[in-house]
Amino acid sequence: MEWKFNGSNIPIVFERINLILKDDSGKVCGGLLANHYWNCILIDILWLEEASRKQGFGKKLMLELERIAKEKGVTLIHLDTHEFQAPKFYEKLGYEVFGVLEDAPLGYKRFYMKKEL
């Protein structure tokens, strides 16, 4: 029902973006799931198995998402991450914090980040 209301005000644009990272043997070792809506992309999940971290694969996935975003005319990518996850990784890629939720989960901060393209 919400789509019907939104669609009466602005054209509906919604598409899932799934990027998969495989090693040389074809085993899945990471990926990125995102939702494209209007001029925005929301990153839902960026995941790399432990052995694939710190090798540039996360950056490669993010740069591929940005390439796709620009191709689609997207002007904003946003996400959330906890302080024990990857806020510094995203900051290095040009993302900035626009909101912080305290104690989510208890004792930790949840950062809401964005990057304008």
N, C-alpha and C. Protein backbone atom coordinates (compact mmCIF):
# COMPACT_ATOMS: atom_id res chain seq x y z
N MET A 1 0.81 -1.20 0.00
CA MET A 1 0.00 0.00 0.00
C MET A 1 0.85 1.26 0.00
N GLU A 2 1.96 1.23 0.73
CA GLU A 2 2.83 2.40 0.80
C GLU A 2 3.34 2.78 -0.58
N TRP A 3 3.67 1.76 -1.41
CA TRP A 3 4.16 2.03 -2.76
C TRP A 3 3.12 2.79 -3.58
N LYS A 4 1.86 2.46 -3.39
CA LYS A 4 0.80 3.13 -4.13
C LYS A 4 0.77 4.61 -3.78
N PHE A 5 0.84 4.93 -2.48
CA PHE A 5 0.85 6.32 -2.05
C PHE A 5 2.08 7.03 -2.58
N ASN A 6 3.26 6.42 -2.39
CA ASN A 6 4.50 7.04 -2.85
C ASN A 6 4.48 7.23 -4.36
N GLY A 7 3.98 6.24 -5.07
CA GLY A 7 3.92 6.31 -6.52
C GLY A 7 3.00 7.40 -7.03
N SER A 8 2.05 7.81 -6.23
CA SER A 8 1.16 8.89 -6.65
C SER A 8 1.85 10.24 -6.50
N ASN A 9 2.97 10.29 -5.79
CA ASN A 9 3.70 11.53 -5.57
C ASN A 9 5.01 11.62 -6.35
N ILE A 10 5.62 10.48 -6.60
CA ILE A 10 6.90 10.44 -7.31
C ILE A 10 6.99 9.07 -7.99
N PRO A 11 7.55 9.01 -9.19
CA PRO A 11 7.64 7.70 -9.87
C PRO A 11 8.38 6.67 -9.02
N ILE A 12 7.88 5.45 -9.02
CA ILE A 12 8.49 4.39 -8.23
C ILE A 12 9.72 3.86 -8.95
N VAL A 13 10.82 3.87 -8.24
CA VAL A 13 12.07 3.28 -8.71
C VAL A 13 12.58 2.43 -7.56
N PHE A 14 12.71 1.14 -7.77
CA PHE A 14 13.26 0.26 -6.74
C PHE A 14 13.91 -0.93 -7.42
N GLU A 15 15.13 -1.20 -7.03
CA GLU A 15 15.88 -2.31 -7.62
C GLU A 15 16.90 -2.80 -6.60
N ARG A 16 17.04 -4.09 -6.49
CA ARG A 16 18.07 -4.67 -5.61
C ARG A 16 19.36 -4.81 -6.41
N ILE A 17 20.46 -4.52 -5.75
CA ILE A 17 21.78 -4.67 -6.35
C ILE A 17 22.54 -5.68 -5.50
N ASN A 18 23.01 -6.74 -6.13
CA ASN A 18 23.75 -7.80 -5.44
C ASN A 18 25.09 -8.00 -6.14
N LEU A 19 26.17 -7.77 -5.42
CA LEU A 19 27.50 -8.00 -5.96
C LEU A 19 28.11 -9.17 -5.18
N ILE A 20 28.69 -10.10 -5.89
CA ILE A 20 29.25 -11.31 -5.27
C ILE A 20 30.73 -11.38 -5.56
N LEU A 21 31.52 -11.66 -4.54
CA LEU A 21 32.97 -11.81 -4.67
C LEU A 21 33.31 -13.28 -4.51
N LYS A 22 34.03 -13.83 -5.49
CA LYS A 22 34.44 -15.24 -5.44
C LYS A 22 35.95 -15.33 -5.51
N ASP A 23 36.49 -16.37 -4.86
CA ASP A 23 37.93 -16.58 -4.94
C ASP A 23 38.26 -17.32 -6.24
N ASP A 24 39.52 -17.65 -6.44
CA ASP A 24 39.97 -18.29 -7.68
C ASP A 24 39.32 -19.64 -7.93
N SER A 25 38.88 -20.30 -6.85
CA SER A 25 38.24 -21.61 -7.01
C SER A 25 36.73 -21.49 -7.24
N GLY A 26 36.20 -20.26 -7.20
CA GLY A 26 34.77 -20.05 -7.41
C GLY A 26 33.95 -20.01 -6.14
N LYS A 27 34.61 -20.14 -4.99
CA LYS A 27 33.91 -20.08 -3.71
C LYS A 27 33.55 -18.63 -3.38
N VAL A 28 32.33 -18.43 -2.92
CA VAL A 28 31.89 -17.10 -2.51
C VAL A 28 32.63 -16.72 -1.23
N CYS A 29 33.28 -15.55 -1.26
CA CYS A 29 34.03 -15.11 -0.08
C CYS A 29 33.63 -13.70 0.36
N GLY A 30 32.59 -13.17 -0.26
CA GLY A 30 32.10 -11.86 0.15
C GLY A 30 31.03 -11.36 -0.79
N GLY A 31 30.47 -10.21 -0.43
CA GLY A 31 29.46 -9.64 -1.29
C GLY A 31 28.88 -8.35 -0.72
N LEU A 32 28.05 -7.74 -1.51
CA LEU A 32 27.40 -6.49 -1.14
C LEU A 32 25.96 -6.55 -1.60
N LEU A 33 25.04 -6.22 -0.71
CA LEU A 33 23.62 -6.15 -1.03
C LEU A 33 23.16 -4.73 -0.80
N ALA A 34 22.46 -4.17 -1.78
CA ALA A 34 22.02 -2.78 -1.68
C ALA A 34 20.66 -2.62 -2.35
N ASN A 35 19.99 -1.54 -2.02
CA ASN A 35 18.71 -1.20 -2.64
C ASN A 35 18.81 0.15 -3.32
N HIS A 36 18.47 0.17 -4.59
CA HIS A 36 18.42 1.42 -5.37
C HIS A 36 16.99 1.91 -5.35
N TYR A 37 16.80 3.12 -4.86
CA TYR A 37 15.48 3.73 -4.87
C TYR A 37 15.64 5.20 -5.23
N TRP A 38 14.84 5.65 -6.14
CA TRP A 38 14.92 7.01 -6.67
C TRP A 38 16.36 7.38 -6.98
N ASN A 39 16.88 8.44 -6.42
CA ASN A 39 18.25 8.86 -6.71
C ASN A 39 19.24 8.35 -5.65
N CYS A 40 18.83 7.35 -4.88
CA CYS A 40 19.63 6.89 -3.75
C CYS A 40 19.92 5.39 -3.83
N ILE A 41 21.00 5.02 -3.16
CA ILE A 41 21.29 3.61 -2.90
C ILE A 41 21.54 3.45 -1.41
N LEU A 42 20.87 2.49 -0.82
CA LEU A 42 21.08 2.12 0.59
C LEU A 42 21.86 0.81 0.61
N ILE A 43 23.04 0.83 1.21
CA ILE A 43 23.82 -0.40 1.37
C ILE A 43 23.26 -1.13 2.57
N ASP A 44 22.80 -2.34 2.32
CA ASP A 44 22.21 -3.15 3.37
C ASP A 44 23.28 -4.00 4.05
N ILE A 45 24.11 -4.68 3.24
CA ILE A 45 25.13 -5.57 3.79
C ILE A 45 26.39 -5.50 2.93
N LEU A 46 27.53 -5.35 3.57
CA LEU A 46 28.83 -5.56 2.94
C LEU A 46 29.52 -6.61 3.80
N TRP A 47 29.86 -7.73 3.19
CA TRP A 47 30.40 -8.85 3.95
C TRP A 47 31.61 -9.43 3.25
N LEU A 48 32.65 -9.73 4.03
CA LEU A 48 33.83 -10.44 3.55
C LEU A 48 34.20 -11.49 4.58
N GLU A 49 34.49 -12.71 4.13
CA GLU A 49 34.95 -13.70 5.10
C GLU A 49 36.31 -13.25 5.63
N GLU A 50 36.62 -13.71 6.80
CA GLU A 50 37.81 -13.25 7.51
C GLU A 50 39.08 -13.32 6.65
N ALA A 51 39.29 -14.40 5.92
CA ALA A 51 40.50 -14.58 5.12
C ALA A 51 40.59 -13.60 3.95
N SER A 52 39.48 -12.98 3.59
CA SER A 52 39.47 -12.07 2.45
C SER A 52 39.56 -10.60 2.85
N ARG A 53 39.65 -10.33 4.13
CA ARG A 53 39.72 -8.95 4.61
C ARG A 53 41.13 -8.38 4.49
N LYS A 54 41.23 -7.07 4.48
CA LYS A 54 42.51 -6.34 4.42
C LYS A 54 43.29 -6.62 3.13
N GLN A 55 42.56 -6.94 2.04
CA GLN A 55 43.21 -7.20 0.76
C GLN A 55 42.67 -6.31 -0.36
N GLY A 56 41.81 -5.35 0.01
CA GLY A 56 41.28 -4.44 -0.99
C GLY A 56 39.97 -4.89 -1.62
N PHE A 57 39.45 -6.04 -1.21
CA PHE A 57 38.21 -6.54 -1.81
C PHE A 57 36.99 -5.70 -1.42
N GLY A 58 36.95 -5.25 -0.17
CA GLY A 58 35.84 -4.40 0.25
C GLY A 58 35.81 -3.11 -0.56
N LYS A 59 36.97 -2.51 -0.73
CA LYS A 59 37.07 -1.29 -1.54
C LYS A 59 36.65 -1.56 -2.98
N LYS A 60 37.06 -2.70 -3.50
CA LYS A 60 36.70 -3.07 -4.87
C LYS A 60 35.17 -3.18 -5.01
N LEU A 61 34.51 -3.80 -4.04
CA LEU A 61 33.05 -3.91 -4.07
C LEU A 61 32.40 -2.53 -4.00
N MET A 62 32.91 -1.68 -3.12
CA MET A 62 32.34 -0.34 -2.97
C MET A 62 32.53 0.50 -4.23
N LEU A 63 33.69 0.41 -4.85
CA LEU A 63 33.94 1.17 -6.08
C LEU A 63 33.06 0.66 -7.22
N GLU A 64 32.82 -0.63 -7.26
CA GLU A 64 31.92 -1.18 -8.28
C GLU A 64 30.50 -0.67 -8.04
N LEU A 65 30.08 -0.62 -6.79
CA LEU A 65 28.75 -0.08 -6.48
C LEU A 65 28.66 1.39 -6.91
N GLU A 66 29.69 2.16 -6.66
CA GLU A 66 29.68 3.57 -7.06
C GLU A 66 29.63 3.70 -8.58
N ARG A 67 30.31 2.83 -9.29
CA ARG A 67 30.27 2.85 -10.75
C ARG A 67 28.84 2.60 -11.23
N ILE A 68 28.20 1.58 -10.66
CA ILE A 68 26.82 1.26 -11.00
C ILE A 68 25.90 2.43 -10.65
N ALA A 69 26.13 3.02 -9.49
CA ALA A 69 25.31 4.14 -9.04
C ALA A 69 25.37 5.30 -10.03
N LYS A 70 26.56 5.65 -10.45
CA LYS A 70 26.72 6.76 -11.40
C LYS A 70 26.03 6.44 -12.73
N GLU A 71 26.14 5.19 -13.14
CA GLU A 71 25.49 4.74 -14.38
C GLU A 71 23.97 4.91 -14.31
N LYS A 72 23.42 4.76 -13.12
CA LYS A 72 21.97 4.85 -12.91
C LYS A 72 21.52 6.27 -12.53
N GLY A 73 22.45 7.20 -12.45
CA GLY A 73 22.09 8.56 -12.10
C GLY A 73 21.89 8.79 -10.61
N VAL A 74 22.40 7.89 -9.79
CA VAL A 74 22.28 8.01 -8.33
C VAL A 74 23.17 9.15 -7.86
N THR A 75 22.67 9.93 -6.91
CA THR A 75 23.44 11.06 -6.37
C THR A 75 23.80 10.88 -4.90
N LEU A 76 23.28 9.83 -4.24
CA LEU A 76 23.53 9.63 -2.82
C LEU A 76 23.57 8.15 -2.49
N ILE A 77 24.62 7.73 -1.79
CA ILE A 77 24.70 6.38 -1.25
C ILE A 77 24.75 6.52 0.27
N HIS A 78 23.98 5.70 0.98
CA HIS A 78 24.01 5.77 2.44
C HIS A 78 23.97 4.37 3.04
N LEU A 79 24.35 4.30 4.33
CA LEU A 79 24.50 3.02 5.01
C LEU A 79 24.50 3.26 6.51
N ASP A 80 24.49 2.17 7.26
CA ASP A 80 24.75 2.28 8.70
C ASP A 80 25.74 1.19 9.09
N THR A 81 26.52 1.49 10.11
CA THR A 81 27.54 0.57 10.60
C THR A 81 27.76 0.84 12.08
N HIS A 82 28.12 -0.20 12.81
CA HIS A 82 28.38 -0.04 14.24
C HIS A 82 29.84 0.33 14.47
N GLU A 83 30.12 0.91 15.60
CA GLU A 83 31.50 1.35 15.90
C GLU A 83 32.48 0.19 15.91
N PHE A 84 32.03 -1.04 16.16
CA PHE A 84 32.92 -2.20 16.17
C PHE A 84 33.02 -2.85 14.78
N GLN A 85 32.34 -2.27 13.81
CA GLN A 85 32.39 -2.82 12.45
C GLN A 85 33.36 -2.00 11.59
N ALA A 86 32.85 -1.13 10.72
CA ALA A 86 33.75 -0.54 9.72
C ALA A 86 33.60 0.96 9.47
N PRO A 87 33.34 1.79 10.48
CA PRO A 87 33.19 3.22 10.17
C PRO A 87 34.45 3.84 9.55
N LYS A 88 35.62 3.44 10.00
CA LYS A 88 36.86 3.99 9.46
C LYS A 88 37.07 3.59 8.00
N PHE A 89 36.69 2.37 7.67
CA PHE A 89 36.77 1.89 6.28
C PHE A 89 35.94 2.79 5.37
N TYR A 90 34.72 3.07 5.77
CA TYR A 90 33.84 3.91 4.95
C TYR A 90 34.34 5.35 4.90
N GLU A 91 34.87 5.86 6.00
CA GLU A 91 35.42 7.22 5.99
C GLU A 91 36.55 7.35 4.99
N LYS A 92 37.41 6.33 4.89
CA LYS A 92 38.52 6.35 3.93
C LYS A 92 38.00 6.41 2.49
N LEU A 93 36.78 5.94 2.27
CA LEU A 93 36.19 5.95 0.93
C LEU A 93 35.35 7.21 0.68
N GLY A 94 35.38 8.15 1.63
CA GLY A 94 34.69 9.41 1.43
C GLY A 94 33.31 9.52 2.04
N TYR A 95 32.92 8.55 2.86
CA TYR A 95 31.62 8.60 3.52
C TYR A 95 31.73 9.44 4.78
N GLU A 96 30.66 10.16 5.10
CA GLU A 96 30.66 10.99 6.30
C GLU A 96 29.47 10.63 7.18
N VAL A 97 29.67 10.78 8.48
CA VAL A 97 28.63 10.49 9.45
C VAL A 97 27.61 11.62 9.43
N PHE A 98 26.32 11.25 9.34
CA PHE A 98 25.28 12.27 9.44
C PHE A 98 24.34 12.02 10.62
N GLY A 99 24.58 10.92 11.33
CA GLY A 99 23.78 10.63 12.51
C GLY A 99 24.40 9.53 13.33
N VAL A 100 24.15 9.57 14.62
CA VAL A 100 24.66 8.55 15.53
C VAL A 100 23.53 8.13 16.46
N LEU A 101 23.36 6.84 16.61
CA LEU A 101 22.39 6.29 17.54
C LEU A 101 23.17 5.66 18.69
N GLU A 102 22.99 6.18 19.87
CA GLU A 102 23.70 5.67 21.05
C GLU A 102 23.04 4.38 21.56
N ASP A 103 23.85 3.51 22.13
CA ASP A 103 23.36 2.28 22.76
C ASP A 103 22.50 1.43 21.83
N ALA A 104 23.01 1.19 20.63
CA ALA A 104 22.28 0.36 19.67
C ALA A 104 23.26 -0.57 18.96
N PRO A 105 23.64 -1.69 19.58
CA PRO A 105 23.16 -2.26 20.83
C PRO A 105 23.80 -1.57 22.04
N LEU A 106 23.30 -1.92 23.20
CA LEU A 106 23.70 -1.30 24.46
C LEU A 106 25.23 -1.23 24.58
N GLY A 107 25.72 -0.02 24.81
CA GLY A 107 27.15 0.16 24.98
C GLY A 107 27.90 0.50 23.70
N TYR A 108 27.22 0.50 22.57
CA TYR A 108 27.87 0.76 21.28
C TYR A 108 27.10 1.82 20.50
N LYS A 109 27.83 2.48 19.61
CA LYS A 109 27.22 3.48 18.74
C LYS A 109 26.95 2.87 17.37
N ARG A 110 25.86 3.31 16.76
CA ARG A 110 25.53 2.96 15.38
C ARG A 110 25.64 4.23 14.57
N PHE A 111 26.48 4.20 13.54
CA PHE A 111 26.72 5.37 12.71
C PHE A 111 25.92 5.29 11.41
N TYR A 112 25.30 6.40 11.05
CA TYR A 112 24.61 6.53 9.77
C TYR A 112 25.49 7.40 8.91
N MET A 113 25.86 6.86 7.74
CA MET A 113 26.85 7.51 6.89
C MET A 113 26.32 7.71 5.48
N LYS A 114 26.89 8.71 4.79
CA LYS A 114 26.47 8.99 3.42
C LYS A 114 27.65 9.45 2.58
N LYS A 115 27.44 9.32 1.28
CA LYS A 115 28.39 9.86 0.31
C LYS A 115 27.58 10.41 -0.85
N GLU A 116 27.83 11.68 -1.15
CA GLU A 116 27.17 12.29 -2.30
C GLU A 116 28.08 12.10 -3.51
N LEU A 117 27.47 11.66 -4.60
CA LEU A 117 28.24 11.40 -5.83
C LEU A 117 28.17 12.60 -6.76
